[in-house]
PDB file of N, CA and C in Angstrom:
ATOM      1  N   UNK A   1     -19.596  15.818 251.920  1.00  0.00           N
ATOM      2  CA  UNK A   1     -19.119  15.874 250.560  1.00  0.00           C
ATOM      3  C   UNK A   1     -18.068  16.965 250.476  1.00  0.00           C
ATOM      4  N   UNK A   2     -16.911  16.538 250.075  1.00  0.00           N
ATOM      5  CA  UNK A   2     -15.847  17.529 250.021  1.00  0.00           C
ATOM      6  C   UNK A   2     -15.677  17.996 248.584  1.00  0.00           C
ATOM      7  N   UNK A   3     -15.414  19.223 248.449  1.00  0.00           N
ATOM      8  CA  UNK A   3     -15.243  19.829 247.134  1.00  0.00           C
ATOM      9  C   UNK A   3     -13.762  19.883 246.801  1.00  0.00           C
ATOM     10  N   UNK A   4     -13.422  19.296 245.643  1.00  0.00           N
ATOM     11  CA  UNK A   4     -12.022  19.338 245.219  1.00  0.00           C
ATOM     12  C   UNK A   4     -11.843  20.547 244.322  1.00  0.00           C
ATOM     13  N   UNK A   5     -10.882  21.398 244.625  1.00  0.00           N
ATOM     14  CA  UNK A   5     -10.724  22.625 243.853  1.00  0.00           C
ATOM     15  C   UNK A   5     -10.314  22.384 242.405  1.00  0.00           C
ATOM     16  N   UNK A   6      -9.629  21.297 242.112  1.00  0.00           N
ATOM     17  CA  UNK A   6      -9.178  21.075 240.734  1.00  0.00           C
ATOM     18  C   UNK A   6     -10.080  20.103 239.970  1.00  0.00           C
ATOM     19  N   UNK A   7     -11.251  19.788 240.509  1.00  0.00           N
ATOM     20  CA  UNK A   7     -12.161  18.845 239.846  1.00  0.00           C
ATOM     21  C   UNK A   7     -12.575  19.341 238.472  1.00  0.00           C
ATOM     22  N   UNK A   8     -12.946  20.590 238.358  1.00  0.00           N
ATOM     23  CA  UNK A   8     -13.378  21.134 237.057  1.00  0.00           C
ATOM     24  C   UNK A   8     -12.210  21.162 236.064  1.00  0.00           C
ATOM     25  N   UNK A   9     -11.035  21.395 236.593  1.00  0.00           N
ATOM     26  CA  UNK A   9      -9.852  21.385 235.714  1.00  0.00           C
ATOM     27  C   UNK A   9      -9.602  19.974 235.199  1.00  0.00           C
ATOM     28  N   UNK A  10      -9.724  18.988 236.068  1.00  0.00           N
ATOM     29  CA  UNK A  10      -9.521  17.595 235.648  1.00  0.00           C
ATOM     30  C   UNK A  10     -10.590  17.173 234.634  1.00  0.00           C
ATOM     31  N   UNK A  11     -11.828  17.623 234.852  1.00  0.00           N
ATOM     32  CA  UNK A  11     -12.896  17.310 233.889  1.00  0.00           C
ATOM     33  C   UNK A  11     -12.596  17.943 232.534  1.00  0.00           C
ATOM     34  N   UNK A  12     -12.118  19.169 232.570  1.00  0.00           N
ATOM     35  CA  UNK A  12     -11.772  19.864 231.323  1.00  0.00           C
ATOM     36  C   UNK A  12     -10.620  19.146 230.611  1.00  0.00           C
ATOM     37  N   UNK A  13      -9.633  18.690 231.365  1.00  0.00           N
ATOM     38  CA  UNK A  13      -8.497  17.959 230.790  1.00  0.00           C
ATOM     39  C   UNK A  13      -8.986  16.658 230.152  1.00  0.00           C
ATOM     40  N   UNK A  14      -9.899  15.935 230.836  1.00  0.00           N
ATOM     41  CA  UNK A  14     -10.463  14.706 230.273  1.00  0.00           C
ATOM     42  C   UNK A  14     -11.201  14.996 228.963  1.00  0.00           C
ATOM     43  N   UNK A  15     -11.977  16.078 228.986  1.00  0.00           N
ATOM     44  CA  UNK A  15     -12.722  16.452 227.783  1.00  0.00           C
ATOM     45  C   UNK A  15     -11.766  16.847 226.661  1.00  0.00           C
ATOM     46  N   UNK A  16     -10.736  17.600 226.964  1.00  0.00           N
ATOM     47  CA  UNK A  16      -9.743  17.982 225.954  1.00  0.00           C
ATOM     48  C   UNK A  16      -9.019  16.757 225.404  1.00  0.00           C
ATOM     49  N   UNK A  17      -8.713  15.803 226.282  1.00  0.00           N
ATOM     50  CA  UNK A  17      -8.075  14.562 225.819  1.00  0.00           C
ATOM     51  C   UNK A  17      -8.994  13.785 224.885  1.00  0.00           C
ATOM     52  N   UNK A  18     -10.294  13.750 225.208  1.00  0.00           N
ATOM     53  CA  UNK A  18     -11.259  13.084 224.329  1.00  0.00           C
ATOM     54  C   UNK A  18     -11.280  13.762 222.958  1.00  0.00           C
ATOM     55  N   UNK A  19     -11.325  15.098 222.976  1.00  0.00           N
ATOM     56  CA  UNK A  19     -11.338  15.844 221.710  1.00  0.00           C
ATOM     57  C   UNK A  19     -10.047  15.611 220.917  1.00  0.00           C
ATOM     58  N   UNK A  20      -8.926  15.590 221.628  1.00  0.00           N
ATOM     59  CA  UNK A  20      -7.636  15.359 220.963  1.00  0.00           C
ATOM     60  C   UNK A  20      -7.601  13.956 220.348  1.00  0.00           C
ATOM     61  N   UNK A  21      -8.101  12.966 221.101  1.00  0.00           N
ATOM     62  CA  UNK A  21      -8.159  11.601 220.568  1.00  0.00           C
ATOM     63  C   UNK A  21      -9.078  11.535 219.352  1.00  0.00           C
ATOM     64  N   UNK A  22     -10.223  12.205 219.444  1.00  0.00           N
ATOM     65  CA  UNK A  22     -11.169  12.207 218.319  1.00  0.00           C
ATOM     66  C   UNK A  22     -10.553  12.891 217.101  1.00  0.00           C
ATOM     67  N   UNK A  23      -9.844  13.982 217.351  1.00  0.00           N
ATOM     68  CA  UNK A  23      -9.198  14.696 216.249  1.00  0.00           C
ATOM     69  C   UNK A  23      -8.091  13.842 215.630  1.00  0.00           C
ATOM     70  N   UNK A  24      -7.323  13.146 216.434  1.00  0.00           N
ATOM     71  CA  UNK A  24      -6.270  12.261 215.931  1.00  0.00           C
ATOM     72  C   UNK A  24      -6.892  11.122 215.113  1.00  0.00           C
ATOM     73  N   UNK A  25      -7.984  10.573 215.631  1.00  0.00           N
ATOM     74  CA  UNK A  25      -8.684   9.508 214.900  1.00  0.00           C
ATOM     75  C   UNK A  25      -9.216  10.033 213.568  1.00  0.00           C
ATOM     76  N   UNK A  26      -9.771  11.249 213.607  1.00  0.00           N
ATOM     77  CA  UNK A  26     -10.293  11.860 212.375  1.00  0.00           C
ATOM     78  C   UNK A  26      -9.168  12.059 211.358  1.00  0.00           C
ATOM     79  N   UNK A  27      -8.011  12.561 211.800  1.00  0.00           N
ATOM     80  CA  UNK A  27      -6.868  12.737 210.903  1.00  0.00           C
ATOM     81  C   UNK A  27      -6.424  11.392 210.322  1.00  0.00           C
ATOM     82  N   UNK A  28      -6.395  10.374 211.171  1.00  0.00           N
ATOM     83  CA  UNK A  28      -5.988   9.048 210.727  1.00  0.00           C
ATOM     84  C   UNK A  28      -6.951   8.533 209.648  1.00  0.00           C
ATOM     85  N   UNK A  29      -8.245   8.710 209.864  1.00  0.00           N
ATOM     86  CA  UNK A  29      -9.242   8.275 208.885  1.00  0.00           C
ATOM     87  C   UNK A  29      -9.129   9.069 207.581  1.00  0.00           C
ATOM     88  N   UNK A  30      -8.839  10.369 207.687  1.00  0.00           N
ATOM     89  CA  UNK A  30      -8.648  11.182 206.491  1.00  0.00           C
ATOM     90  C   UNK A  30      -7.424  10.705 205.706  1.00  0.00           C
ATOM     91  N   UNK A  31      -6.356  10.389 206.417  1.00  0.00           N
ATOM     92  CA  UNK A  31      -5.151   9.869 205.762  1.00  0.00           C
ATOM     93  C   UNK A  31      -5.443   8.549 205.059  1.00  0.00           C
ATOM     94  N   UNK A  32      -6.191   7.695 205.734  1.00  0.00           N
ATOM     95  CA  UNK A  32      -6.555   6.406 205.127  1.00  0.00           C
ATOM     96  C   UNK A  32      -7.418   6.640 203.893  1.00  0.00           C
ATOM     97  N   UNK A  33      -8.351   7.586 203.979  1.00  0.00           N
ATOM     98  CA  UNK A  33      -9.215   7.894 202.833  1.00  0.00           C
ATOM     99  C   UNK A  33      -8.393   8.428 201.665  1.00  0.00           C
ATOM    100  N   UNK A  34      -7.431   9.297 201.951  1.00  0.00           N
ATOM    101  CA  UNK A  34      -6.574   9.828 200.889  1.00  0.00           C
ATOM    102  C   UNK A  34      -5.764   8.715 200.247  1.00  0.00           C
ATOM    103  N   UNK A  35      -5.206   7.842 201.080  1.00  0.00           N
ATOM    104  CA  UNK A  35      -4.419   6.726 200.563  1.00  0.00           C
ATOM    105  C   UNK A  35      -5.296   5.804 199.715  1.00  0.00           C
ATOM    106  N   UNK A  36      -6.495   5.526 200.190  1.00  0.00           N
ATOM    107  CA  UNK A  36      -7.415   4.663 199.438  1.00  0.00           C
ATOM    108  C   UNK A  36      -7.799   5.299 198.113  1.00  0.00           C
ATOM    109  N   UNK A  37      -8.074   6.587 198.129  1.00  0.00           N
ATOM    110  CA  UNK A  37      -8.423   7.295 196.891  1.00  0.00           C
ATOM    111  C   UNK A  37      -7.270   7.236 195.909  1.00  0.00           C
ATOM    112  N   UNK A  38      -6.059   7.478 196.402  1.00  0.00           N
ATOM    113  CA  UNK A  38      -4.883   7.423 195.530  1.00  0.00           C
ATOM    114  C   UNK A  38      -4.732   6.031 194.934  1.00  0.00           C
ATOM    115  N   UNK A  39      -4.883   5.005 195.766  1.00  0.00           N
ATOM    116  CA  UNK A  39      -4.719   3.629 195.301  1.00  0.00           C
ATOM    117  C   UNK A  39      -5.783   3.278 194.258  1.00  0.00           C
ATOM    118  N   UNK A  40      -7.026   3.688 194.497  1.00  0.00           N
ATOM    119  CA  UNK A  40      -8.099   3.411 193.536  1.00  0.00           C
ATOM    120  C   UNK A  40      -7.817   4.103 192.206  1.00  0.00           C
ATOM    121  N   UNK A  41      -7.326   5.344 192.255  1.00  0.00           N
ATOM    122  CA  UNK A  41      -6.964   6.047 191.014  1.00  0.00           C
ATOM    123  C   UNK A  41      -5.849   5.316 190.281  1.00  0.00           C
ATOM    124  N   UNK A  42      -4.831   4.871 191.041  1.00  0.00           N
ATOM    125  CA  UNK A  42      -3.731   4.126 190.429  1.00  0.00           C
ATOM    126  C   UNK A  42      -4.260   2.874 189.746  1.00  0.00           C
ATOM    127  N   UNK A  43      -5.162   2.170 190.409  1.00  0.00           N
ATOM    128  CA  UNK A  43      -5.734   0.956 189.837  1.00  0.00           C
ATOM    129  C   UNK A  43      -6.489   1.281 188.548  1.00  0.00           C
ATOM    130  N   UNK A  44      -7.292   2.346 188.592  1.00  0.00           N
ATOM    131  CA  UNK A  44      -8.088   2.732 187.421  1.00  0.00           C
ATOM    132  C   UNK A  44      -7.165   3.094 186.260  1.00  0.00           C
ATOM    133  N   UNK A  45      -6.148   3.883 186.533  1.00  0.00           N
ATOM    134  CA  UNK A  45      -5.246   4.290 185.468  1.00  0.00           C
ATOM    135  C   UNK A  45      -4.401   3.126 184.981  1.00  0.00           C
ATOM    136  N   UNK A  46      -4.074   2.204 185.884  1.00  0.00           N
ATOM    137  CA  UNK A  46      -3.308   1.030 185.461  1.00  0.00           C
ATOM    138  C   UNK A  46      -4.145   0.170 184.516  1.00  0.00           C
ATOM    139  N   UNK A  47      -5.428   0.045 184.811  1.00  0.00           N
ATOM    140  CA  UNK A  47      -6.319  -0.699 183.906  1.00  0.00           C
ATOM    141  C   UNK A  47      -6.358  -0.003 182.549  1.00  0.00           C
ATOM    142  N   UNK A  48      -6.451   1.319 182.562  1.00  0.00           N
ATOM    143  CA  UNK A  48      -6.474   2.072 181.300  1.00  0.00           C
ATOM    144  C   UNK A  48      -5.157   1.884 180.546  1.00  0.00           C
ATOM    145  N   UNK A  49      -4.027   1.951 181.275  1.00  0.00           N
ATOM    146  CA  UNK A  49      -2.727   1.749 180.626  1.00  0.00           C
ATOM    147  C   UNK A  49      -2.616   0.344 180.058  1.00  0.00           C
ATOM    148  N   UNK A  50      -3.087  -0.642 180.800  1.00  0.00           N
ATOM    149  CA  UNK A  50      -3.050  -2.025 180.309  1.00  0.00           C
ATOM    150  C   UNK A  50      -3.918  -2.187 179.065  1.00  0.00           C
ATOM    151  N   UNK A  51      -5.082  -1.521 179.049  1.00  0.00           N
ATOM    152  CA  UNK A  51      -5.943  -1.587 177.867  1.00  0.00           C
ATOM    153  C   UNK A  51      -5.253  -0.966 176.661  1.00  0.00           C
ATOM    154  N   UNK A  52      -4.608   0.166 176.859  1.00  0.00           N
ATOM    155  CA  UNK A  52      -3.899   0.825 175.754  1.00  0.00           C
ATOM    156  C   UNK A  52      -2.760  -0.060 175.274  1.00  0.00           C
ATOM    157  N   UNK A  53      -2.020  -0.648 176.216  1.00  0.00           N
ATOM    158  CA  UNK A  53      -0.913  -1.542 175.867  1.00  0.00           C
ATOM    159  C   UNK A  53      -1.436  -2.745 175.083  1.00  0.00           C
ATOM    160  N   UNK A  54      -2.559  -3.302 175.516  1.00  0.00           N
ATOM    161  CA  UNK A  54      -3.149  -4.451 174.823  1.00  0.00           C
ATOM    162  C   UNK A  54      -3.598  -4.064 173.412  1.00  0.00           C
ATOM    163  N   UNK A  55      -4.206  -2.884 173.291  1.00  0.00           N
ATOM    164  CA  UNK A  55      -4.643  -2.424 171.963  1.00  0.00           C
ATOM    165  C   UNK A  55      -3.439  -2.240 171.043  1.00  0.00           C
ATOM    166  N   UNK A  56      -2.365  -1.669 171.574  1.00  0.00           N
ATOM    167  CA  UNK A  56      -1.166  -1.485 170.764  1.00  0.00           C
ATOM    168  C   UNK A  56      -0.583  -2.821 170.337  1.00  0.00           C
ATOM    169  N   UNK A  57      -0.567  -3.782 171.264  1.00  0.00           N
ATOM    170  CA  UNK A  57      -0.063  -5.113 170.922  1.00  0.00           C
ATOM    171  C   UNK A  57      -0.926  -5.768 169.854  1.00  0.00           C
ATOM    172  N   UNK A  58      -2.235  -5.629 169.987  1.00  0.00           N
ATOM    173  CA  UNK A  58      -3.129  -6.224 168.990  1.00  0.00           C
ATOM    174  C   UNK A  58      -2.935  -5.564 167.631  1.00  0.00           C
ATOM    175  N   UNK A  59      -2.791  -4.243 167.624  1.00  0.00           N
ATOM    176  CA  UNK A  59      -2.580  -3.540 166.357  1.00  0.00           C
ATOM    177  C   UNK A  59      -1.270  -3.989 165.717  1.00  0.00           C
ATOM    178  N   UNK A  60      -0.238  -4.154 166.537  1.00  0.00           N
ATOM    179  CA  UNK A  60       1.048  -4.616 166.026  1.00  0.00           C
ATOM    180  C   UNK A  60       0.928  -6.041 165.476  1.00  0.00           C
ATOM    181  N   UNK A  61       0.203  -6.900 166.197  1.00  0.00           N
ATOM    182  CA  UNK A  61       0.012  -8.272 165.722  1.00  0.00           C
ATOM    183  C   UNK A  61      -0.752  -8.295 164.408  1.00  0.00           C
ATOM    184  N   UNK A  62      -1.748  -7.421 164.270  1.00  0.00           N
ATOM    185  CA  UNK A  62      -2.510  -7.350 163.022  1.00  0.00           C
ATOM    186  C   UNK A  62      -1.606  -6.902 161.875  1.00  0.00           C
ATOM    187  N   UNK A  63      -0.743  -5.929 162.130  1.00  0.00           N
ATOM    188  CA  UNK A  63       0.189  -5.482 161.092  1.00  0.00           C
ATOM    189  C   UNK A  63       1.122  -6.615 160.685  1.00  0.00           C
ATOM    190  N   UNK A  64       1.640  -7.336 161.646  1.00  0.00           N
ATOM    191  CA  UNK A  64       2.540  -8.453 161.348  1.00  0.00           C
ATOM    192  C   UNK A  64       1.800  -9.527 160.566  1.00  0.00           C
ATOM    193  N   UNK A  65       0.559  -9.833 160.993  1.00  0.00           N
ATOM    194  CA  UNK A  65      -0.233 -10.845 160.300  1.00  0.00           C
ATOM    195  C   UNK A  65      -0.528 -10.404 158.860  1.00  0.00           C
ATOM    196  N   UNK A  66      -0.843  -9.123 158.669  1.00  0.00           N
ATOM    197  CA  UNK A  66      -1.101  -8.615 157.308  1.00  0.00           C
ATOM    198  C   UNK A  66       0.149  -8.725 156.440  1.00  0.00           C
ATOM    199  N   UNK A  67       1.299  -8.375 157.009  1.00  0.00           N
ATOM    200  CA  UNK A  67       2.551  -8.465 156.264  1.00  0.00           C
ATOM    201  C   UNK A  67       2.830  -9.919 155.866  1.00  0.00           C
ATOM    202  N   UNK A  68       2.625 -10.833 156.813  1.00  0.00           N
ATOM    203  CA  UNK A  68       2.855 -12.254 156.531  1.00  0.00           C
ATOM    204  C   UNK A  68       1.879 -12.759 155.479  1.00  0.00           C
ATOM    205  N   UNK A  69       0.632 -12.325 155.567  1.00  0.00           N
ATOM    206  CA  UNK A  69      -0.372 -12.725 154.580  1.00  0.00           C
ATOM    207  C   UNK A  69       0.008 -12.228 153.190  1.00  0.00           C
ATOM    208  N   UNK A  70       0.473 -10.983 153.095  1.00  0.00           N
ATOM    209  CA  UNK A  70       0.910 -10.448 151.802  1.00  0.00           C
ATOM    210  C   UNK A  70       2.077 -11.252 151.252  1.00  0.00           C
ATOM    211  N   UNK A  71       3.039 -11.574 152.120  1.00  0.00           N
ATOM    212  CA  UNK A  71       4.191 -12.359 151.668  1.00  0.00           C
ATOM    213  C   UNK A  71       3.755 -13.727 151.169  1.00  0.00           C
ATOM    214  N   UNK A  72       2.842 -14.371 151.888  1.00  0.00           N
ATOM    215  CA  UNK A  72       2.361 -15.693 151.460  1.00  0.00           C
ATOM    216  C   UNK A  72       1.616 -15.597 150.132  1.00  0.00           C
ATOM    217  N   UNK A  73       0.791 -14.566 149.990  1.00  0.00           N
ATOM    218  CA  UNK A  73       0.054 -14.385 148.730  1.00  0.00           C
ATOM    219  C   UNK A  73       1.018 -14.157 147.571  1.00  0.00           C
ATOM    220  N   UNK A  74       2.041 -13.330 147.810  1.00  0.00           N
ATOM    221  CA  UNK A  74       3.038 -13.093 146.756  1.00  0.00           C
ATOM    222  C   UNK A  74       3.726 -14.384 146.362  1.00  0.00           C
ATOM    223  N   UNK A  75       4.090 -15.192 147.364  1.00  0.00           N
ATOM    224  CA  UNK A  75       4.772 -16.460 147.090  1.00  0.00           C
ATOM    225  C   UNK A  75       3.860 -17.390 146.297  1.00  0.00           C
ATOM    226  N   UNK A  76       2.597 -17.488 146.698  1.00  0.00           N
ATOM    227  CA  UNK A  76       1.667 -18.357 145.963  1.00  0.00           C
ATOM    228  C   UNK A  76       1.437 -17.846 144.553  1.00  0.00           C
ATOM    229  N   UNK A  77       1.327 -16.527 144.390  1.00  0.00           N
ATOM    230  CA  UNK A  77       1.142 -15.958 143.051  1.00  0.00           C
ATOM    231  C   UNK A  77       2.370 -16.219 142.185  1.00  0.00           C
ATOM    232  N   UNK A  78       3.556 -16.067 142.772  1.00  0.00           N
ATOM    233  CA  UNK A  78       4.795 -16.341 142.041  1.00  0.00           C
ATOM    234  C   UNK A  78       4.830 -17.806 141.585  1.00  0.00           C
ATOM    235  N   UNK A  79       4.454 -18.732 142.498  1.00  0.00           N
ATOM    236  CA  UNK A  79       4.420 -20.150 142.130  1.00  0.00           C
ATOM    237  C   UNK A  79       3.398 -20.416 141.035  1.00  0.00           C
ATOM    238  N   UNK A  80       2.234 -19.795 141.142  1.00  0.00           N
ATOM    239  CA  UNK A  80       1.199 -19.971 140.121  1.00  0.00           C
ATOM    240  C   UNK A  80       1.688 -19.478 138.765  1.00  0.00           C
ATOM    241  N   UNK A  81       2.316 -18.309 138.765  1.00  0.00           N
ATOM    242  CA  UNK A  81       2.813 -17.763 137.499  1.00  0.00           C
ATOM    243  C   UNK A  81       3.926 -18.633 136.927  1.00  0.00           C
ATOM    244  N   UNK A  82       4.791 -19.167 137.789  1.00  0.00           N
ATOM    245  CA  UNK A  82       5.858 -20.061 137.303  1.00  0.00           C
ATOM    246  C   UNK A  82       5.257 -21.331 136.702  1.00  0.00           C
ATOM    247  N   UNK A  83       4.250 -21.904 137.376  1.00  0.00           N
ATOM    248  CA  UNK A  83       3.607 -23.113 136.832  1.00  0.00           C
ATOM    249  C   UNK A  83       2.940 -22.825 135.495  1.00  0.00           C
ATOM    250  N   UNK A  84       2.260 -21.667 135.406  1.00  0.00           N
ATOM    251  CA  UNK A  84       1.606 -21.315 134.145  1.00  0.00           C
ATOM    252  C   UNK A  84       2.637 -21.096 133.044  1.00  0.00           C
ATOM    253  N   UNK A  85       3.760 -20.456 133.407  1.00  0.00           N
ATOM    254  CA  UNK A  85       4.812 -20.244 132.407  1.00  0.00           C
ATOM    255  C   UNK A  85       5.384 -21.589 131.949  1.00  0.00           C
ATOM    256  N   UNK A  86       5.584 -22.511 132.874  1.00  0.00           N
ATOM    257  CA  UNK A  86       6.090 -23.836 132.507  1.00  0.00           C
ATOM    258  C   UNK A  86       5.082 -24.581 131.636  1.00  0.00           C
ATOM    259  N   UNK A  87       3.797 -24.462 131.984  1.00  0.00           N
ATOM    260  CA  UNK A  87       2.770 -25.109 131.152  1.00  0.00           C
ATOM    261  C   UNK A  87       2.745 -24.505 129.746  1.00  0.00           C
ATOM    262  N   UNK A  88       2.882 -23.182 129.680  1.00  0.00           N
ATOM    263  CA  UNK A  88       2.881 -22.500 128.385  1.00  0.00           C
ATOM    264  C   UNK A  88       4.080 -22.949 127.547  1.00  0.00           C
ATOM    265  N   UNK A  89       5.242 -23.030 128.198  1.00  0.00           N
ATOM    266  CA  UNK A  89       6.434 -23.512 127.487  1.00  0.00           C
ATOM    267  C   UNK A  89       6.262 -24.956 127.022  1.00  0.00           C
ATOM    268  N   UNK A  90       5.642 -25.776 127.870  1.00  0.00           N
ATOM    269  CA  UNK A  90       5.403 -27.176 127.491  1.00  0.00           C
ATOM    270  C   UNK A  90       4.477 -27.247 126.279  1.00  0.00           C
ATOM    271  N   UNK A  91       3.448 -26.417 126.251  1.00  0.00           N
ATOM    272  CA  UNK A  91       2.531 -26.401 125.105  1.00  0.00           C
ATOM    273  C   UNK A  91       3.276 -25.960 123.838  1.00  0.00           C
ATOM    274  N   UNK A  92       4.110 -24.936 123.997  1.00  0.00           N
ATOM    275  CA  UNK A  92       4.876 -24.458 122.835  1.00  0.00           C
ATOM    276  C   UNK A  92       5.836 -25.545 122.362  1.00  0.00           C
ATOM    277  N   UNK A  93       6.458 -26.267 123.301  1.00  0.00           N
ATOM    278  CA  UNK A  93       7.398 -27.322 122.958  1.00  0.00           C
ATOM    279  C   UNK A  93       6.688 -28.446 122.178  1.00  0.00           C
ATOM    280  N   UNK A  94       5.437 -28.764 122.564  1.00  0.00           N
ATOM    281  CA  UNK A  94       4.670 -29.784 121.848  1.00  0.00           C
ATOM    282  C   UNK A  94       4.419 -29.360 120.404  1.00  0.00           C
ATOM    283  N   UNK A  95       4.280 -28.053 120.231  1.00  0.00           N
ATOM    284  CA  UNK A  95       4.018 -27.521 118.891  1.00  0.00           C
ATOM    285  C   UNK A  95       5.323 -27.287 118.131  1.00  0.00           C
ATOM    286  N   UNK A  96       6.455 -27.537 118.784  1.00  0.00           N
ATOM    287  CA  UNK A  96       7.742 -27.360 118.138  1.00  0.00           C
ATOM    288  C   UNK A  96       8.247 -25.931 118.204  1.00  0.00           C
ATOM    289  N   UNK A  97       7.736 -25.156 119.096  1.00  0.00           N
ATOM    290  CA  UNK A  97       8.149 -23.758 119.241  1.00  0.00           C
ATOM    291  C   UNK A  97       8.844 -23.569 120.592  1.00  0.00           C
ATOM    292  N   UNK A  98       9.480 -22.429 120.769  1.00  0.00           N
ATOM    293  CA  UNK A  98      10.156 -22.139 122.034  1.00  0.00           C
ATOM    294  C   UNK A  98      10.128 -20.625 122.280  1.00  0.00           C
ATOM    295  N   UNK A  99      10.389 -20.263 123.487  1.00  0.00           N
ATOM    296  CA  UNK A  99      10.458 -18.841 123.864  1.00  0.00           C
ATOM    297  C   UNK A  99      11.913 -18.433 123.820  1.00  0.00           C
ATOM    298  N   UNK A 100      12.142 -17.302 123.160  1.00  0.00           N
ATOM    299  CA  UNK A 100      13.517 -16.795 123.057  1.00  0.00           C
ATOM    300  C   UNK A 100      13.806 -15.974 124.314  1.00  0.00           C
ATOM    301  N   UNK A 101      14.901 -16.343 124.992  1.00  0.00           N
ATOM    302  CA  UNK A 101      15.303 -15.594 126.189  1.00  0.00           C
ATOM    303  C   UNK A 101      16.685 -15.019 125.930  1.00  0.00           C
ATOM    304  N   UNK A 102      16.767 -13.737 126.147  1.00  0.00           N
ATOM    305  CA  UNK A 102      18.052 -13.053 125.971  1.00  0.00           C
ATOM    306  C   UNK A 102      18.748 -13.046 127.329  1.00  0.00           C
ATOM    307  N   UNK A 103      19.781 -13.851 127.444  1.00  0.00           N
ATOM    308  CA  UNK A 103      20.492 -13.956 128.723  1.00  0.00           C
ATOM    309  C   UNK A 103      21.771 -13.161 128.657  1.00  0.00           C
ATOM    310  N   UNK A 104      21.981 -12.370 129.644  1.00  0.00           N
ATOM    311  CA  UNK A 104      23.198 -11.546 129.671  1.00  0.00           C
ATOM    312  C   UNK A 104      24.265 -12.189 130.477  1.00  0.00           C
TER     313      UNK A 104
END
């Protein structure tokens, strides 16, 4: 059995290479974990932003719907009042009376 003088050095180099590979793998996994964490946060915040955007859109739609409803109610009330005024004038006309309107 012959003894090689650099055998222990070669074993140490192999062990150091293993440690270096393990450390590189560990760094790679840490980088992947950081990237994954960042991506998950982005997803979470994007969902929150989308929810806020949706709420704002719904609030805007409700405001528009309320405005349209008010306009429709005003129009119907105006028509009702015009019909009642016409009916009142018709009743007065049957009685031989009229409404005096001062037109400028």
